[in-house]
Protein backbone atom coordinates (compact mmCIF):
# COMPACT_ATOMS: atom_id res chain seq x y z
CA MET A 1 0.00 0.00 0.00
CA ASP A 2 1.39 3.38 -1.05
CA TYR A 3 -0.04 5.52 1.73
CA THR A 4 1.32 8.78 0.33
CA ALA A 5 -0.38 8.10 -2.99
CA GLY A 6 -3.62 7.45 -1.13
CA LEU A 7 -3.38 10.83 0.56
CA ASP A 8 -2.63 12.48 -2.81
CA ILE A 9 -5.74 10.92 -4.34
CA ALA A 10 -7.96 12.06 -1.46
CA LEU A 11 -6.63 15.63 -1.51
CA ASP A 12 -6.66 15.88 -5.31
CA ARG A 13 -10.32 14.90 -5.28
CA LEU A 14 -11.12 17.87 -3.06
CA HIS A 15 -9.15 20.21 -5.32
CA GLU A 16 -10.92 18.90 -8.45
CA GLU A 17 -14.35 19.40 -6.89
CA GLY A 18 -13.45 22.89 -5.68
CA ARG A 19 -14.00 21.83 -2.05
CA TYR A 20 -10.42 22.05 -0.74
CA ARG A 21 -10.44 24.24 2.34
CA THR A 22 -7.79 26.82 3.06
CA PHE A 23 -7.09 28.59 6.35
CA ILE A 24 -6.73 32.36 6.38
CA ASP A 25 -4.17 33.59 8.91
CA ILE A 26 -5.95 36.33 10.86
CA GLU A 27 -4.85 38.50 13.75
CA ARG A 28 -7.76 39.90 15.71
CA ARG A 29 -6.90 43.08 17.57
CA LYS A 30 -8.61 44.12 20.78
CA GLY A 31 -10.97 47.02 20.29
CA SER A 32 -11.06 46.91 16.50
CA PHE A 33 -13.52 44.06 15.88
CA PRO A 34 -14.80 43.27 13.21
CA ASN A 35 -11.63 44.58 11.59
CA ALA A 36 -8.52 42.43 11.70
CA VAL A 37 -5.18 41.87 9.98
CA TRP A 38 -4.68 39.22 7.28
CA ARG A 39 -1.19 37.79 7.14
CA ARG A 40 -0.66 36.74 3.54
CA PRO A 41 1.39 33.65 2.63
CA ASP A 42 4.18 35.92 1.35
CA GLY A 43 4.47 37.57 4.77
CA SER A 44 2.76 40.85 3.86
CA GLU A 45 -0.21 42.16 5.82
CA SER A 46 -3.59 43.66 4.87
CA ASP A 47 -6.43 45.16 6.88
CA ILE A 48 -9.64 43.19 6.47
CA THR A 49 -13.19 43.08 7.80
CA VAL A 50 -14.36 39.69 9.10
CA TRP A 51 -17.87 38.86 7.89
CA CYS A 52 -18.03 35.18 8.78
CA GLY A 53 -17.12 35.12 12.47
CA ASN A 54 -19.19 33.38 15.11
CA ASP A 55 -18.42 36.01 17.76
CA TYR A 56 -21.91 37.24 16.95
CA LEU A 57 -22.08 40.06 19.50
CA GLY A 58 -18.42 41.02 19.75
CA MET A 59 -18.26 39.73 23.34
CA GLY A 60 -14.78 38.30 22.69
CA GLN A 61 -13.55 41.89 22.96
CA HIS A 62 -15.91 43.11 25.70
CA PRO A 63 -14.22 44.77 28.71
CA VAL A 64 -16.36 42.80 31.20
CA VAL A 65 -15.17 39.51 29.72
CA LEU A 66 -11.53 40.52 29.43
CA ALA A 67 -11.43 41.85 32.99
CA ALA A 68 -12.80 38.58 34.37
CA MET A 69 -10.25 36.57 32.41
CA HIS A 70 -7.34 38.76 33.53
CA GLU A 71 -8.43 38.48 37.15
CA ALA A 72 -8.71 34.69 36.95
CA ILE A 73 -5.40 34.14 35.20
CA ASP A 74 -3.62 36.41 37.70
CA ALA A 75 -5.20 34.48 40.55
CA THR A 76 -4.86 30.90 39.30
CA GLY A 77 -2.46 30.68 36.36
CA ALA A 78 -3.07 29.24 32.91
CA GLY A 79 -4.44 25.70 32.86
CA SER A 80 -6.99 23.85 34.97
CA GLY A 81 -4.54 21.11 35.90
CA GLY A 82 -6.69 18.11 35.12
CA THR A 83 -10.04 16.60 34.27
CA ARG A 84 -13.10 17.66 36.21
CA ASN A 85 -12.73 14.49 38.30
CA ILE A 86 -9.03 15.00 38.97
CA SER A 87 -8.31 18.51 40.27
CA GLY A 88 -9.88 20.27 37.27
CA THR A 89 -13.02 21.57 38.98
CA THR A 90 -12.51 25.09 40.29
CA VAL A 91 -14.70 27.82 41.74
CA TYR A 92 -14.78 29.31 38.23
CA HIS A 93 -16.28 26.18 36.70
CA LYS A 94 -18.89 25.97 39.43
CA ALA A 95 -19.78 29.65 39.03
CA LEU A 96 -20.16 29.20 35.27
CA GLU A 97 -22.43 26.19 35.67
CA ALA A 98 -24.56 28.11 38.17
CA GLU A 99 -24.92 31.00 35.69
CA LEU A 100 -25.95 28.60 32.92
CA ALA A 101 -28.47 26.71 35.06
CA ASP A 102 -30.01 30.04 36.06
CA LEU A 103 -30.02 31.22 32.43
CA HIS A 104 -32.09 28.26 31.29
CA GLY A 105 -34.22 27.84 34.39
CA LYS A 106 -32.85 24.36 35.06
CA GLU A 107 -31.65 22.68 38.23
CA SER A 108 -28.17 22.11 36.90
CA SER A 109 -25.76 22.44 33.99
CA LEU A 110 -22.59 20.71 32.85
CA VAL A 111 -19.73 22.45 31.03
CA PHE A 112 -17.71 20.72 28.29
CA THR A 113 -14.72 21.86 26.26
CA SER A 114 -16.99 22.57 23.26
CA ALA A 115 -20.62 22.34 22.22
CA TYR A 116 -19.56 19.65 19.75
CA ILE A 117 -18.27 17.51 22.61
CA ALA A 118 -21.34 18.32 24.70
CA ASN A 119 -23.63 17.05 21.92
CA ASP A 120 -21.51 14.04 21.07
CA ALA A 121 -20.90 12.98 24.67
CA THR A 122 -24.48 13.46 25.83
CA LEU A 123 -26.27 11.86 22.89
CA SER A 124 -23.89 8.90 22.82
CA THR A 125 -24.37 8.34 26.56
CA LEU A 126 -28.15 8.52 26.85
CA PRO A 127 -28.77 4.92 25.64
CA LYS A 128 -26.57 3.73 28.52
CA LEU A 129 -28.96 5.46 30.88
CA PHE A 130 -32.17 4.41 29.11
CA PRO A 131 -31.71 0.92 27.57
CA GLY A 132 -33.67 0.52 24.36
CA LEU A 133 -33.79 4.29 23.78
CA ILE A 134 -34.91 5.37 20.30
CA ILE A 135 -33.58 8.77 19.20
CA TYR A 136 -35.54 10.71 16.57
CA SER A 137 -33.24 13.20 14.86
CA ASP A 138 -33.94 15.99 12.37
CA GLU A 139 -32.06 15.22 9.15
CA LEU A 140 -30.30 18.61 9.24
CA ASN A 141 -29.05 18.35 12.80
CA HIS A 142 -25.44 19.40 13.36
CA ALA A 143 -22.62 16.94 12.70
CA SER A 144 -21.92 16.68 16.44
CA MET A 145 -25.47 15.49 17.10
CA ILE A 146 -25.32 13.06 14.20
CA GLU A 147 -22.02 11.65 15.43
CA GLY A 148 -23.25 11.24 19.00
CA ILE A 149 -26.40 9.46 17.84
CA ARG A 150 -24.43 7.27 15.43
CA ARG A 151 -21.95 6.17 18.08
CA ASN A 152 -24.38 5.35 20.83
CA GLY A 153 -25.26 1.92 19.51
CA GLY A 154 -28.98 2.48 20.03
CA ALA A 155 -31.90 2.78 17.66
CA LYS A 156 -32.29 5.95 15.63
CA ARG A 157 -34.84 7.44 13.29
CA ILE A 158 -34.13 10.35 10.93
CA PHE A 159 -37.12 12.54 10.14
CA LYS A 160 -37.35 15.03 7.29
CA HIS A 161 -36.23 18.53 8.18
CA ASN A 162 -38.83 20.29 10.35
CA ASP A 163 -41.44 17.75 9.17
CA VAL A 164 -43.65 17.14 12.19
CA ALA A 165 -46.00 14.83 10.27
CA HIS A 166 -43.10 12.60 9.24
CA LEU A 167 -41.89 12.45 12.84
CA ARG A 168 -45.37 11.54 14.02
CA SER A 169 -45.54 8.63 11.59
CA MET A 170 -42.26 7.30 13.00
CA LEU A 171 -43.38 7.67 16.60
CA GLU A 172 -46.65 5.89 15.84
CA ALA A 173 -44.80 2.99 14.20
CA ASP A 174 -42.56 2.28 17.19
CA ASP A 175 -43.24 0.42 20.42
CA PRO A 176 -45.24 2.79 22.63
CA ASP A 177 -43.40 1.50 25.69
CA ALA A 178 -39.89 2.10 24.32
CA PRO A 179 -38.01 5.09 25.78
CA LYS A 180 -37.78 7.89 23.23
CA LEU A 181 -35.92 11.16 22.67
CA ILE A 182 -36.52 13.84 20.01
CA ALA A 183 -33.38 15.80 19.04
CA PHE A 184 -33.55 19.05 17.09
CA GLU A 185 -32.14 22.57 16.81
CA SER A 186 -33.68 25.96 17.43
CA ILE A 187 -31.83 27.68 14.56
CA TYR A 188 -30.23 25.73 11.73
CA SER A 189 -27.08 27.62 10.92
CA MET A 190 -26.75 27.05 7.19
CA ASP A 191 -30.17 28.41 6.14
CA GLY A 192 -30.93 30.33 9.32
CA ASP A 193 -34.38 28.72 9.69
CA PHE A 194 -36.12 27.95 12.97
CA GLY A 195 -37.22 24.57 14.26
CA PRO A 196 -40.96 24.04 15.03
CA ILE A 197 -40.21 23.80 18.74
CA GLU A 198 -43.74 23.91 20.16
CA GLU A 199 -45.06 21.29 17.73
CA LEU A 200 -42.15 19.00 18.54
CA LEU A 201 -42.74 19.42 22.25
CA ASP A 202 -46.43 18.62 21.80
CA LEU A 203 -45.47 15.39 20.06
CA ALA A 204 -43.02 14.57 22.83
CA ASP A 205 -45.78 15.02 25.41
CA GLU A 206 -48.16 12.85 23.40
CA PHE A 207 -45.65 10.01 22.97
CA ASN A 208 -43.89 10.37 26.33
CA ALA A 209 -40.53 11.28 24.77
CA LEU A 210 -37.64 13.25 26.18
CA THR A 211 -36.56 16.36 24.25
CA TYR A 212 -33.07 17.61 23.35
CA ILE A 213 -32.55 21.01 21.75
CA ASP A 214 -29.37 22.52 20.33
CA GLU A 215 -29.51 26.30 20.91
CA VAL A 216 -25.93 26.95 19.80
CA HIS A 217 -26.83 29.64 17.26
CA ALA A 218 -29.40 31.27 19.56
CA VAL A 219 -28.01 31.51 23.09
CA GLY A 220 -27.06 35.05 24.03
CA MET A 221 -29.05 36.46 21.10
CA TYR A 222 -32.70 35.46 21.53
CA GLY A 223 -35.04 35.67 24.49
CA PRO A 224 -35.35 38.37 27.17
CA ARG A 225 -32.19 37.11 28.92
CA GLY A 226 -30.47 35.53 25.94
CA ALA A 227 -31.37 31.94 26.78
CA GLY A 228 -32.38 31.20 23.20
CA VAL A 229 -35.39 30.75 20.96
CA ALA A 230 -37.12 28.45 23.45
CA GLU A 231 -36.98 31.24 26.04
CA ARG A 232 -38.23 33.77 23.48
CA ASP A 233 -41.22 31.52 22.75
CA GLY A 234 -41.93 30.67 26.40
CA LEU A 235 -41.12 26.97 25.90
CA MET A 236 -37.87 26.49 27.78
CA HIS A 237 -39.46 24.83 30.81
CA ARG A 238 -40.86 22.05 28.60
CA ILE A 239 -37.47 20.94 27.25
CA ASP A 240 -35.51 18.23 29.06
CA ILE A 241 -31.96 18.91 27.81
CA ILE A 242 -30.68 22.18 26.36
CA ASN A 243 -27.33 22.32 24.58
CA GLY A 244 -25.51 25.60 24.08
CA THR A 245 -22.12 27.08 23.30
CA LEU A 246 -19.86 29.63 24.96
CA ALA A 247 -17.88 30.20 21.75
CA LYS A 248 -20.35 32.16 19.63
CA ALA A 249 -22.52 34.91 21.15
CA TYR A 250 -20.64 34.63 24.45
CA GLY A 251 -17.33 35.15 22.67
CA VAL A 252 -15.14 32.69 24.60
CA MET A 253 -14.91 28.88 24.34
CA GLY A 254 -16.71 25.79 25.57
CA GLY A 255 -20.12 24.16 25.47
CA TYR A 256 -22.67 22.86 27.92
CA ILE A 257 -25.94 21.14 28.63
CA ALA A 258 -28.57 22.39 31.05
CA ALA A 259 -31.08 19.94 32.51
CA SER A 260 -32.32 18.45 35.76
CA TYR A 261 -29.82 17.74 38.50
CA LYS A 262 -30.17 13.98 38.03
CA MET A 263 -29.73 14.18 34.26
CA CYS A 264 -26.54 16.23 34.56
CA ASP A 265 -25.29 13.98 37.33
CA ALA A 266 -25.82 10.88 35.19
CA ILE A 267 -24.10 12.39 32.13
CA ARG A 268 -21.25 13.57 34.35
CA SER A 269 -20.85 10.06 35.71
CA TYR A 270 -21.17 8.04 32.49
CA ALA A 271 -19.98 10.15 29.50
CA PRO A 272 -16.35 9.42 28.48
CA GLY A 273 -16.24 12.72 26.60
CA PHE A 274 -16.69 14.48 29.92
CA ILE A 275 -14.84 12.16 32.28
CA PHE A 276 -11.57 11.88 30.35
CA THR A 277 -11.18 15.44 29.03
CA THR A 278 -9.11 18.15 30.69
CA SER A 279 -11.43 20.90 31.85
CA LEU A 280 -11.52 24.43 30.49
CA PRO A 281 -8.83 26.79 31.84
CA PRO A 282 -10.19 28.76 34.81
CA ALA A 283 -9.70 32.05 32.95
CA VAL A 284 -11.89 30.81 30.10
CA ALA A 285 -14.59 29.69 32.53
CA ALA A 286 -14.42 33.06 34.29
CA GLY A 287 -14.72 34.99 31.03
CA ALA A 288 -17.64 32.85 29.90
CA ALA A 289 -19.47 33.32 33.21
CA ALA A 290 -18.99 37.09 32.98
CA SER A 291 -20.30 37.09 29.41
CA VAL A 292 -23.38 35.02 30.27
CA LYS A 293 -24.15 37.24 33.26
CA HIS A 294 -23.72 40.43 31.23
CA LEU A 295 -25.90 39.32 28.33
CA LYS A 296 -28.76 38.43 30.66
CA THR A 297 -29.42 42.17 30.87
CA ASP A 298 -28.01 43.67 27.64
CA GLN A 299 -31.11 43.68 25.47
CA ALA A 300 -29.85 46.73 23.57
CA LEU A 301 -26.97 44.68 22.17
CA ARG A 302 -29.35 41.94 21.04
CA ASP A 303 -31.63 44.49 19.40
CA GLN A 304 -28.72 46.10 17.57
CA HIS A 305 -27.59 42.69 16.33
CA GLN A 306 -31.00 41.94 14.84
CA LEU A 307 -31.18 45.41 13.31
CA GLN A 308 -27.84 45.01 11.53
CA ALA A 309 -28.93 41.63 10.17
CA ARG A 310 -32.19 43.11 8.83
CA ILE A 311 -30.35 46.01 7.22
CA LEU A 312 -27.86 43.72 5.48
CA LYS A 313 -30.59 41.42 4.19
CA MET A 314 -32.60 44.38 2.92
CA ARG A 315 -29.58 45.84 1.12
CA LEU A 316 -28.65 42.53 -0.52
CA LYS A 317 -32.25 41.86 -1.52
CA GLY A 318 -32.29 45.29 -3.11
CA LEU A 319 -29.47 44.12 -5.40
CA GLY A 320 -31.45 41.02 -6.35
CA MET A 321 -29.11 38.67 -4.49
CA PRO A 322 -30.42 35.11 -3.96
CA ILE A 323 -30.40 35.23 -0.16
CA ILE A 324 -32.25 32.96 2.24
CA ASP A 325 -34.24 34.90 4.83
CA HIS A 326 -36.04 33.04 7.59
CA GLY A 327 -35.97 35.98 9.98
CA SER A 328 -32.84 34.99 11.91
CA HIS A 329 -29.49 36.76 12.10
CA ILE A 330 -27.81 34.44 9.56
CA VAL A 331 -27.50 35.78 6.00
CA PRO A 332 -26.73 33.09 3.37
CA VAL A 333 -26.19 34.13 -0.26
CA ILE A 334 -26.58 31.13 -2.56
CA VAL A 335 -23.97 30.76 -5.32
CA GLY A 336 -24.69 27.15 -6.26
CA ASP A 337 -21.25 26.07 -7.44
CA PRO A 338 -18.20 25.22 -5.29
CA VAL A 339 -15.61 26.69 -7.68
CA HIS A 340 -17.54 29.93 -8.11
CA THR A 341 -18.12 30.19 -4.38
CA LYS A 342 -14.43 29.79 -3.62
CA LYS A 343 -13.50 32.28 -6.35
CA LEU A 344 -15.95 34.88 -5.01
CA SER A 345 -14.56 34.40 -1.51
CA ASP A 346 -10.99 34.85 -2.78
CA MET A 347 -11.88 37.96 -4.79
CA LEU A 348 -13.68 39.58 -1.86
CA LEU A 349 -10.64 39.03 0.32
CA GLU A 350 -7.93 39.97 -2.14
CA SER A 351 -9.61 42.94 -3.85
CA PHE A 352 -11.88 44.37 -1.16
CA GLY A 353 -10.46 43.21 2.19
CA ILE A 354 -13.69 41.37 3.01
CA TYR A 355 -13.31 37.94 4.58
CA VAL A 356 -16.13 35.42 4.21
CA GLN A 357 -15.47 31.71 3.95
CA PRO A 358 -17.12 29.62 1.19
CA ILE A 359 -19.59 27.04 2.50
CA ASN A 360 -19.48 23.91 0.34
CA PHE A 361 -20.50 20.24 0.44
CA PRO A 362 -20.68 18.31 2.77
CA THR A 363 -21.61 21.19 5.07
CA VAL A 364 -24.46 22.03 2.65
CA PRO A 365 -25.99 19.94 -0.16
CA ARG A 366 -24.37 20.09 -3.59
CA GLY A 367 -25.86 22.84 -5.68
CA THR A 368 -26.52 25.07 -2.66
CA GLU A 369 -22.94 26.26 -2.09
CA ARG A 370 -22.96 29.71 -0.53
CA LEU A 371 -21.35 32.64 1.18
CA ARG A 372 -22.74 32.99 4.69
CA PHE A 373 -22.52 36.42 6.29
CA THR A 374 -22.87 36.91 10.03
CA PRO A 375 -23.41 40.59 10.83
CA SER A 376 -22.81 41.78 14.38
CA PRO A 377 -23.66 44.94 16.34
CA VAL A 378 -20.21 46.31 15.48
CA HIS A 379 -20.62 45.89 11.73
CA GLY A 380 -21.61 49.51 11.18
CA PRO A 381 -22.82 51.47 8.13
CA LYS A 382 -19.27 51.79 6.78
CA GLU A 383 -18.69 48.03 6.82
CA ILE A 384 -22.13 47.25 5.41
CA ASP A 385 -21.73 49.80 2.60
CA ALA A 386 -18.35 48.33 1.65
CA LEU A 387 -19.74 44.79 1.59
CA VAL A 388 -22.80 45.67 -0.46
CA LYS A 389 -20.71 47.61 -2.98
CA ALA A 390 -18.23 44.73 -3.34
CA MET A 391 -20.97 42.12 -3.74
CA ASP A 392 -22.73 44.23 -6.36
CA GLU A 393 -19.55 44.64 -8.38
CA LEU A 394 -18.37 41.04 -8.12
CA TRP A 395 -21.78 39.46 -8.69
CA SER A 396 -22.25 41.39 -11.91
CA HIS A 397 -18.70 40.57 -13.00
CA CYS A 398 -19.12 36.89 -12.28
CA ALA A 399 -22.50 36.63 -13.96
CA LEU A 400 -21.04 38.08 -17.16
CA ASN A 401 -17.73 36.25 -17.07
CA ARG A 402 -18.34 32.69 -15.87
CA ALA A 403 -15.47 31.37 -17.97
CA GLU A 404 -13.07 33.86 -16.39
CA LEU A 405 -14.38 33.00 -12.94
CA SER A 406 -13.69 29.32 -13.47
CA ALA A 407 -10.22 29.91 -14.92
């Protein structure tokens, strides 16, 4: 076996399909978000505006967050020193979990190193706790949910995206006495559409199923205290397990679940992804706790975020851009071809200093390749004007010169 040749074949396939991913070397600078510095491969530097970041509210630069992190690192040092079971549980981790439990109105919460791990570890562990568990999963659930469900060794059912009738038919076909769990998201990040939360909860009540919601793209941004779409809609108390992230709206790092005390205790005790992972550094936990606490009361920042998203969508629609608008803060512009999407991304960066990553298969279905913009409260009129002008110019250029674009 020529292993090097095998790697060449795999990588060449990505290049041929226009799906090879490149990393852009960016230096974020405190106080200047969303502007940053792009370090080119030749060593030169250019000022750019980041339009694809997940620091949705700019909290990664917020003085409250930075002060908490500085205080914690001065007090405790850098790392946590171990897993949560072996010296890695500090007062900062406990304070963060208390903030998160309060945020979601649950008895308890459990912090992981990422929301991906939180999803994977929890969903793969639940069948150990409930033998014979059947998990019903929306077909567009995040890769971390899919992986956790795939690895758990239990039964699974995949229902069509947001199709409550299809889910009902599956629930009706299964043993009424079997333990069940319905897993879904509040906001699906590629199209920015919302899950039918109340209808799914009604089905769960009817069929005696547990519910698991991923609020990763909603926490901090929706609801009167930023607890997510379920809080906004007055449904949070009906959900058994809530998954969220600390790395997007909260601007730091980590993920979590919020649930009953017994549920969190069982996951804590049985999930390898929690037991055998070094815990978050205390400074990260402190910064996340400060961010969560702050955003419980900063409605003005949430309102500004939604306003900027509406303005950008309105401006792009005015140009006739094929955007998807489900009313969330996510702004996808459909290109429909991986090579063209990558070329547009490169041209925006190199000619206009606008950084937005191409989104290609397998993240989205073939033929729906896109640029996904994520406006924030600190993307002001100047940044929006520059983006709209660049998109107008490049879209017209590309529509008229497809051969040149593909060259």
